[in-house]
Amino acid sequence: KKREESAPDTGGWINTFADLMNLLLCFFV
């Protein structure tokens, strides 16, 4: 049986956004 292809990961941008928020928080602090 063909391996069922997994659904594409659509939440990867959250990590980048979280990093950006952390950087902005550090900057304002």
PDB file of all heavy atoms in Angstrom:
ATOM      1  N   LYS A   1       0.840  -1.196   0.000  1.00  0.00           N
ATOM      2  CA  LYS A   1       0.000   0.000   0.000  1.00  0.00           C
ATOM      3  C   LYS A   1       0.880   1.253   0.000  1.00  0.00           C
ATOM      4  O   LYS A   1       1.912   1.326   0.644  1.00  0.00           O
ATOM      5  CB  LYS A   1      -0.878   0.019   1.243  1.00  0.00           C
ATOM      6  CG  LYS A   1      -1.930  -1.091   1.280  1.00  0.00           C
ATOM      7  CD  LYS A   1      -2.760  -0.944   2.506  1.00  0.00           C
ATOM      8  CE  LYS A   1      -3.848  -2.014   2.559  1.00  0.00           C
ATOM      9  NZ  LYS A   1      -4.675  -1.907   3.747  1.00  0.00           N
ATOM     10  N   LYS A   2       0.442   2.141  -0.797  1.00  0.00           N
ATOM     11  CA  LYS A   2       1.180   3.425  -0.820  1.00  0.00           C
ATOM     12  C   LYS A   2       1.021   4.147   0.528  1.00  0.00           C
ATOM     13  O   LYS A   2      -0.042   4.180   1.095  1.00  0.00           O
ATOM     14  CB  LYS A   2       0.655   4.297  -1.945  1.00  0.00           C
ATOM     15  CG  LYS A   2       0.986   3.745  -3.325  1.00  0.00           C
ATOM     16  CD  LYS A   2       0.513   4.708  -4.374  1.00  0.00           C
ATOM     17  CE  LYS A   2       0.854   4.207  -5.783  1.00  0.00           C
ATOM     18  NZ  LYS A   2       0.378   5.118  -6.821  1.00  0.00           N
ATOM     19  N   ARG A   3       2.188   4.611   0.986  1.00  0.00           N
ATOM     20  CA  ARG A   3       2.122   5.389   2.240  1.00  0.00           C
ATOM     21  C   ARG A   3       1.248   6.612   2.029  1.00  0.00           C
ATOM     22  O   ARG A   3       1.388   7.328   1.044  1.00  0.00           O
ATOM     23  CB  ARG A   3       3.511   5.819   2.670  1.00  0.00           C
ATOM     24  CG  ARG A   3       3.477   6.539   3.991  1.00  0.00           C
ATOM     25  CD  ARG A   3       4.828   7.138   4.313  1.00  0.00           C
ATOM     26  NE  ARG A   3       5.866   6.121   4.255  1.00  0.00           N
ATOM     27  CZ  ARG A   3       7.156   6.410   4.394  1.00  0.00           C
ATOM     28  NH1 ARG A   3       7.528   7.661   4.581  1.00  0.00           N
ATOM     29  NH2 ARG A   3       8.054   5.441   4.323  1.00  0.00           N
ATOM     30  N   GLU A   4       0.355   6.682   2.969  1.00  0.00           N
ATOM     31  CA  GLU A   4      -0.516   7.845   2.853  1.00  0.00           C
ATOM     32  C   GLU A   4       0.289   9.111   3.111  1.00  0.00           C
ATOM     33  O   GLU A   4       1.023   9.225   4.073  1.00  0.00           O
ATOM     34  CB  GLU A   4      -1.651   7.745   3.879  1.00  0.00           C
ATOM     35  CG  GLU A   4      -2.588   6.575   3.609  1.00  0.00           C
ATOM     36  CD  GLU A   4      -3.684   6.534   4.611  1.00  0.00           C
ATOM     37  OE1 GLU A   4      -3.657   7.427   5.535  1.00  0.00           O
ATOM     38  OE2 GLU A   4      -4.556   5.676   4.530  1.00  0.00           O
ATOM     39  N   GLU A   5       0.191   9.995   2.162  1.00  0.00           N
ATOM     40  CA  GLU A   5       0.934  11.275   2.284  1.00  0.00           C
ATOM     41  C   GLU A   5       0.315  12.129   3.402  1.00  0.00           C
ATOM     42  O   GLU A   5      -0.900  12.286   3.466  1.00  0.00           O
ATOM     43  CB  GLU A   5       0.875  12.047   0.973  1.00  0.00           C
ATOM     44  CG  GLU A   5       1.606  11.327  -0.148  1.00  0.00           C
ATOM     45  CD  GLU A   5       1.543  12.140  -1.416  1.00  0.00           C
ATOM     46  OE1 GLU A   5       0.927  13.240  -1.352  1.00  0.00           O
ATOM     47  OE2 GLU A   5       2.126  11.713  -2.416  1.00  0.00           O
ATOM     48  N   SER A   6       1.202  12.606   4.295  1.00  0.00           N
ATOM     49  CA  SER A   6       0.729  13.457   5.414  1.00  0.00           C
ATOM     50  C   SER A   6       0.346  14.829   4.910  1.00  0.00           C
ATOM     51  O   SER A   6       0.873  15.314   3.900  1.00  0.00           O
ATOM     52  CB  SER A   6       1.810  13.578   6.490  1.00  0.00           C
ATOM     53  OG  SER A   6       2.969  14.181   5.938  1.00  0.00           O
ATOM     54  N   ALA A   7      -0.567  15.425   5.635  1.00  0.00           N
ATOM     55  CA  ALA A   7      -1.027  16.777   5.255  1.00  0.00           C
ATOM     56  C   ALA A   7       0.096  17.778   5.443  1.00  0.00           C
ATOM     57  O   ALA A   7       0.929  17.657   6.344  1.00  0.00           O
ATOM     58  CB  ALA A   7      -2.220  17.159   6.108  1.00  0.00           C
ATOM     59  N   PRO A   8       0.209  18.769   4.597  1.00  0.00           N
ATOM     60  CA  PRO A   8       1.286  19.791   4.712  1.00  0.00           C
ATOM     61  C   PRO A   8       1.185  20.566   6.027  1.00  0.00           C
ATOM     62  O   PRO A   8       0.083  20.851   6.505  1.00  0.00           O
ATOM     63  CB  PRO A   8       1.032  20.681   3.504  1.00  0.00           C
ATOM     64  CG  PRO A   8      -0.408  20.492   3.163  1.00  0.00           C
ATOM     65  CD  PRO A   8      -0.715  19.069   3.497  1.00  0.00           C
ATOM     66  N   ASP A   9       2.388  20.923   6.616  1.00  0.00           N
ATOM     67  CA  ASP A   9       2.445  21.667   7.887  1.00  0.00           C
ATOM     68  C   ASP A   9       2.226  23.144   7.608  1.00  0.00           C
ATOM     69  O   ASP A   9       3.083  23.794   6.997  1.00  0.00           O
ATOM     70  CB  ASP A   9       3.809  21.439   8.558  1.00  0.00           C
ATOM     71  CG  ASP A   9       3.849  22.042   9.948  1.00  0.00           C
ATOM     72  OD1 ASP A   9       2.809  22.550  10.432  1.00  0.00           O
ATOM     73  OD2 ASP A   9       4.948  22.022  10.563  1.00  0.00           O
ATOM     74  N   THR A  10       1.085  23.612   8.022  1.00  0.00           N
ATOM     75  CA  THR A  10       0.758  25.033   7.748  1.00  0.00           C
ATOM     76  C   THR A  10       0.995  25.944   8.946  1.00  0.00           C
ATOM     77  O   THR A  10       0.687  27.129   8.892  1.00  0.00           O
ATOM     78  CB  THR A  10      -0.728  25.154   7.338  1.00  0.00           C
ATOM     79  OG1 THR A  10      -1.529  24.630   8.404  1.00  0.00           O
ATOM     80  CG2 THR A  10      -0.983  24.385   6.056  1.00  0.00           C
ATOM     81  N   GLY A  11       1.535  25.467  10.105  1.00  0.00           N
ATOM     82  CA  GLY A  11       1.733  26.305  11.306  1.00  0.00           C
ATOM     83  C   GLY A  11       3.170  26.696  11.548  1.00  0.00           C
ATOM     84  O   GLY A  11       3.509  27.140  12.649  1.00  0.00           O
ATOM     85  N   GLY A  12       4.048  26.546  10.555  1.00  0.00           N
ATOM     86  CA  GLY A  12       5.456  26.880  10.770  1.00  0.00           C
ATOM     87  C   GLY A  12       5.712  28.361  10.979  1.00  0.00           C
ATOM     88  O   GLY A  12       6.699  28.761  11.605  1.00  0.00           O
ATOM     89  N   TRP A  13       4.849  29.219  10.466  1.00  0.00           N
ATOM     90  CA  TRP A  13       5.058  30.681  10.613  1.00  0.00           C
ATOM     91  C   TRP A  13       4.918  31.158  12.046  1.00  0.00           C
ATOM     92  O   TRP A  13       5.430  32.208  12.417  1.00  0.00           O
ATOM     93  CB  TRP A  13       4.054  31.455   9.746  1.00  0.00           C
ATOM     94  CG  TRP A  13       2.619  31.179  10.143  1.00  0.00           C
ATOM     95  CD1 TRP A  13       1.830  30.169   9.728  1.00  0.00           C
ATOM     96  CD2 TRP A  13       1.870  31.943  11.071  1.00  0.00           C
ATOM     97  NE1 TRP A  13       0.596  30.215  10.301  1.00  0.00           N
ATOM     98  CE2 TRP A  13       0.610  31.333  11.165  1.00  0.00           C
ATOM     99  CE3 TRP A  13       2.134  33.087  11.834  1.00  0.00           C
ATOM    100  CZ2 TRP A  13      -0.392  31.822  11.988  1.00  0.00           C
ATOM    101  CZ3 TRP A  13       1.130  33.562  12.630  1.00  0.00           C
ATOM    102  CH2 TRP A  13      -0.129  32.941  12.717  1.00  0.00           C
ATOM    103  N   ILE A  14       4.221  30.317  12.851  1.00  0.00           N
ATOM    104  CA  ILE A  14       4.013  30.737  14.240  1.00  0.00           C
ATOM    105  C   ILE A  14       5.343  30.856  14.980  1.00  0.00           C
ATOM    106  O   ILE A  14       5.570  31.779  15.781  1.00  0.00           O
ATOM    107  CB  ILE A  14       3.079  29.750  14.953  1.00  0.00           C
ATOM    108  CG1 ILE A  14       1.690  29.770  14.297  1.00  0.00           C
ATOM    109  CG2 ILE A  14       2.968  30.075  16.440  1.00  0.00           C
ATOM    110  CD1 ILE A  14       0.723  28.794  14.902  1.00  0.00           C
ATOM    111  N   ASN A  15       6.240  29.947  14.732  1.00  0.00           N
ATOM    112  CA  ASN A  15       7.555  29.989  15.395  1.00  0.00           C
ATOM    113  C   ASN A  15       8.311  31.266  15.028  1.00  0.00           C
ATOM    114  O   ASN A  15       8.923  31.929  15.874  1.00  0.00           O
ATOM    115  CB  ASN A  15       8.363  28.759  15.014  1.00  0.00           C
ATOM    116  CG  ASN A  15       7.726  27.473  15.538  1.00  0.00           C
ATOM    117  OD1 ASN A  15       7.066  27.480  16.583  1.00  0.00           O
ATOM    118  ND2 ASN A  15       7.901  26.363  14.824  1.00  0.00           N
ATOM    119  N   THR A  16       8.268  31.574  13.730  1.00  0.00           N
ATOM    120  CA  THR A  16       8.965  32.803  13.290  1.00  0.00           C
ATOM    121  C   THR A  16       8.354  34.039  13.924  1.00  0.00           C
ATOM    122  O   THR A  16       9.058  34.956  14.387  1.00  0.00           O
ATOM    123  CB  THR A  16       8.900  32.917  11.755  1.00  0.00           C
ATOM    124  OG1 THR A  16       9.467  31.753  11.184  1.00  0.00           O
ATOM    125  CG2 THR A  16       9.664  34.133  11.287  1.00  0.00           C
ATOM    126  N   PHE A  17       7.018  34.070  13.982  1.00  0.00           N
ATOM    127  CA  PHE A  17       6.328  35.227  14.561  1.00  0.00           C
ATOM    128  C   PHE A  17       6.628  35.339  16.067  1.00  0.00           C
ATOM    129  O   PHE A  17       6.827  36.447  16.603  1.00  0.00           O
ATOM    130  CB  PHE A  17       4.818  35.076  14.333  1.00  0.00           C
ATOM    131  CG  PHE A  17       4.015  36.229  14.858  1.00  0.00           C
ATOM    132  CD1 PHE A  17       3.980  37.447  14.159  1.00  0.00           C
ATOM    133  CD2 PHE A  17       3.321  36.115  16.051  1.00  0.00           C
ATOM    134  CE1 PHE A  17       3.252  38.503  14.655  1.00  0.00           C
ATOM    135  CE2 PHE A  17       2.587  37.180  16.535  1.00  0.00           C
ATOM    136  CZ  PHE A  17       2.545  38.382  15.835  1.00  0.00           C
ATOM    137  N   ALA A  18       6.650  34.177  16.731  1.00  0.00           N
ATOM    138  CA  ALA A  18       6.957  34.186  18.159  1.00  0.00           C
ATOM    139  C   ALA A  18       8.368  34.712  18.420  1.00  0.00           C
ATOM    140  O   ALA A  18       8.604  35.476  19.366  1.00  0.00           O
ATOM    141  CB  ALA A  18       6.784  32.778  18.725  1.00  0.00           C
ATOM    142  N   ASP A  19       9.321  34.264  17.550  1.00  0.00           N
ATOM    143  CA  ASP A  19      10.686  34.785  17.694  1.00  0.00           C
ATOM    144  C   ASP A  19      10.724  36.294  17.506  1.00  0.00           C
ATOM    145  O   ASP A  19      11.436  37.024  18.214  1.00  0.00           O
ATOM    146  CB  ASP A  19      11.609  34.098  16.693  1.00  0.00           C
ATOM    147  CG  ASP A  19      11.800  32.616  17.005  1.00  0.00           C
ATOM    148  OD1 ASP A  19      11.559  32.246  18.201  1.00  0.00           O
ATOM    149  OD2 ASP A  19      12.189  31.860  16.102  1.00  0.00           O
ATOM    150  N   LEU A  20       9.978  36.784  16.513  1.00  0.00           N
ATOM    151  CA  LEU A  20       9.941  38.224  16.251  1.00  0.00           C
ATOM    152  C   LEU A  20       9.366  38.977  17.438  1.00  0.00           C
ATOM    153  O   LEU A  20       9.878  40.039  17.847  1.00  0.00           O
ATOM    154  CB  LEU A  20       9.111  38.501  14.992  1.00  0.00           C
ATOM    155  CG  LEU A  20       8.951  39.980  14.610  1.00  0.00           C
ATOM    156  CD1 LEU A  20      10.312  40.610  14.345  1.00  0.00           C
ATOM    157  CD2 LEU A  20       8.061  40.102  13.373  1.00  0.00           C
ATOM    158  N   MET A  21       8.303  38.449  18.054  1.00  0.00           N
ATOM    159  CA  MET A  21       7.705  39.113  19.203  1.00  0.00           C
ATOM    160  C   MET A  21       8.672  39.153  20.389  1.00  0.00           C
ATOM    161  O   MET A  21       8.748  40.124  21.138  1.00  0.00           O
ATOM    162  CB  MET A  21       6.408  38.388  19.608  1.00  0.00           C
ATOM    163  CG  MET A  21       5.248  38.534  18.614  1.00  0.00           C
ATOM    164  SD  MET A  21       4.737  40.251  18.372  1.00  0.00           S
ATOM    165  CE  MET A  21       5.560  40.581  16.783  1.00  0.00           C
ATOM    166  N   ASN A  22       9.407  38.017  20.563  1.00  0.00           N
ATOM    167  CA  ASN A  22      10.395  37.992  21.635  1.00  0.00           C
ATOM    168  C   ASN A  22      11.467  39.048  21.436  1.00  0.00           C
ATOM    169  O   ASN A  22      11.897  39.735  22.378  1.00  0.00           O
ATOM    170  CB  ASN A  22      11.029  36.613  21.758  1.00  0.00           C
ATOM    171  CG  ASN A  22      10.054  35.582  22.333  1.00  0.00           C
ATOM    172  OD1 ASN A  22       9.149  35.950  23.089  1.00  0.00           O
ATOM    173  ND2 ASN A  22      10.242  34.312  21.980  1.00  0.00           N
ATOM    174  N   LEU A  23      11.913  39.169  20.170  1.00  0.00           N
ATOM    175  CA  LEU A  23      12.932  40.186  19.870  1.00  0.00           C
ATOM    176  C   LEU A  23      12.406  41.588  20.123  1.00  0.00           C
ATOM    177  O   LEU A  23      13.101  42.453  20.683  1.00  0.00           O
ATOM    178  CB  LEU A  23      13.399  40.038  18.422  1.00  0.00           C
ATOM    179  CG  LEU A  23      14.223  38.783  18.114  1.00  0.00           C
ATOM    180  CD1 LEU A  23      14.507  38.682  16.613  1.00  0.00           C
ATOM    181  CD2 LEU A  23      15.539  38.798  18.894  1.00  0.00           C
ATOM    182  N   LEU A  24      11.152  41.833  19.682  1.00  0.00           N
ATOM    183  CA  LEU A  24      10.569  43.163  19.914  1.00  0.00           C
ATOM    184  C   LEU A  24      10.409  43.443  21.410  1.00  0.00           C
ATOM    185  O   LEU A  24      10.642  44.573  21.886  1.00  0.00           O
ATOM    186  CB  LEU A  24       9.215  43.268  19.211  1.00  0.00           C
ATOM    187  CG  LEU A  24       9.253  43.356  17.691  1.00  0.00           C
ATOM    188  CD1 LEU A  24       7.840  43.319  17.113  1.00  0.00           C
ATOM    189  CD2 LEU A  24       9.965  44.632  17.252  1.00  0.00           C
ATOM    190  N   LEU A  25       9.985  42.405  22.162  1.00  0.00           N
ATOM    191  CA  LEU A  25       9.830  42.586  23.601  1.00  0.00           C
ATOM    192  C   LEU A  25      11.159  42.934  24.258  1.00  0.00           C
ATOM    193  O   LEU A  25      11.251  43.852  25.091  1.00  0.00           O
ATOM    194  CB  LEU A  25       9.256  41.309  24.215  1.00  0.00           C
ATOM    195  CG  LEU A  25       9.096  41.325  25.748  1.00  0.00           C
ATOM    196  CD1 LEU A  25       8.136  42.427  26.170  1.00  0.00           C
ATOM    197  CD2 LEU A  25       8.597  39.953  26.232  1.00  0.00           C
ATOM    198  N   CYS A  26      12.215  42.184  23.851  1.00  0.00           N
ATOM    199  CA  CYS A  26      13.546  42.476  24.398  1.00  0.00           C
ATOM    200  C   CYS A  26      13.996  43.890  24.024  1.00  0.00           C
ATOM    201  O   CYS A  26      14.607  44.611  24.832  1.00  0.00           O
ATOM    202  CB  CYS A  26      14.562  41.443  23.900  1.00  0.00           C
ATOM    203  SG  CYS A  26      14.285  39.774  24.532  1.00  0.00           S
ATOM    204  N   PHE A  27      13.671  44.299  22.811  1.00  0.00           N
ATOM    205  CA  PHE A  27      14.071  45.624  22.339  1.00  0.00           C
ATOM    206  C   PHE A  27      13.406  46.726  23.172  1.00  0.00           C
ATOM    207  O   PHE A  27      14.063  47.675  23.625  1.00  0.00           O
ATOM    208  CB  PHE A  27      13.723  45.765  20.863  1.00  0.00           C
ATOM    209  CG  PHE A  27      14.005  47.129  20.306  1.00  0.00           C
ATOM    210  CD1 PHE A  27      15.323  47.542  20.089  1.00  0.00           C
ATOM    211  CD2 PHE A  27      12.978  48.001  20.012  1.00  0.00           C
ATOM    212  CE1 PHE A  27      15.573  48.800  19.578  1.00  0.00           C
ATOM    213  CE2 PHE A  27      13.232  49.255  19.508  1.00  0.00           C
ATOM    214  CZ  PHE A  27      14.535  49.671  19.277  1.00  0.00           C
ATOM    215  N   PHE A  28      12.092  46.578  23.420  1.00  0.00           N
ATOM    216  CA  PHE A  28      11.395  47.606  24.183  1.00  0.00           C
ATOM    217  C   PHE A  28      11.789  47.578  25.655  1.00  0.00           C
ATOM    218  O   PHE A  28      11.822  48.607  26.327  1.00  0.00           O
ATOM    219  CB  PHE A  28       9.879  47.436  24.032  1.00  0.00           C
ATOM    220  CG  PHE A  28       9.357  47.933  22.705  1.00  0.00           C
ATOM    221  CD1 PHE A  28       8.855  47.051  21.754  1.00  0.00           C
ATOM    222  CD2 PHE A  28       9.399  49.292  22.401  1.00  0.00           C
ATOM    223  CE1 PHE A  28       8.390  47.511  20.537  1.00  0.00           C
ATOM    224  CE2 PHE A  28       8.924  49.752  21.177  1.00  0.00           C
ATOM    225  CZ  PHE A  28       8.425  48.870  20.237  1.00  0.00           C
ATOM    226  N   VAL A  29      12.046  46.365  26.183  1.00  0.00           N
ATOM    227  CA  VAL A  29      12.543  46.291  27.559  1.00  0.00           C
ATOM    228  C   VAL A  29      13.876  47.010  27.679  1.00  0.00           C
ATOM    229  O   VAL A  29      14.159  47.733  28.659  1.00  0.00           O
ATOM    230  CB  VAL A  29      12.664  44.818  28.001  1.00  0.00           C
ATOM    231  CG1 VAL A  29      13.421  44.710  29.334  1.00  0.00           C
ATOM    232  CG2 VAL A  29      11.276  44.189  28.145  1.00  0.00           C
TER     233      VAL A  29
END
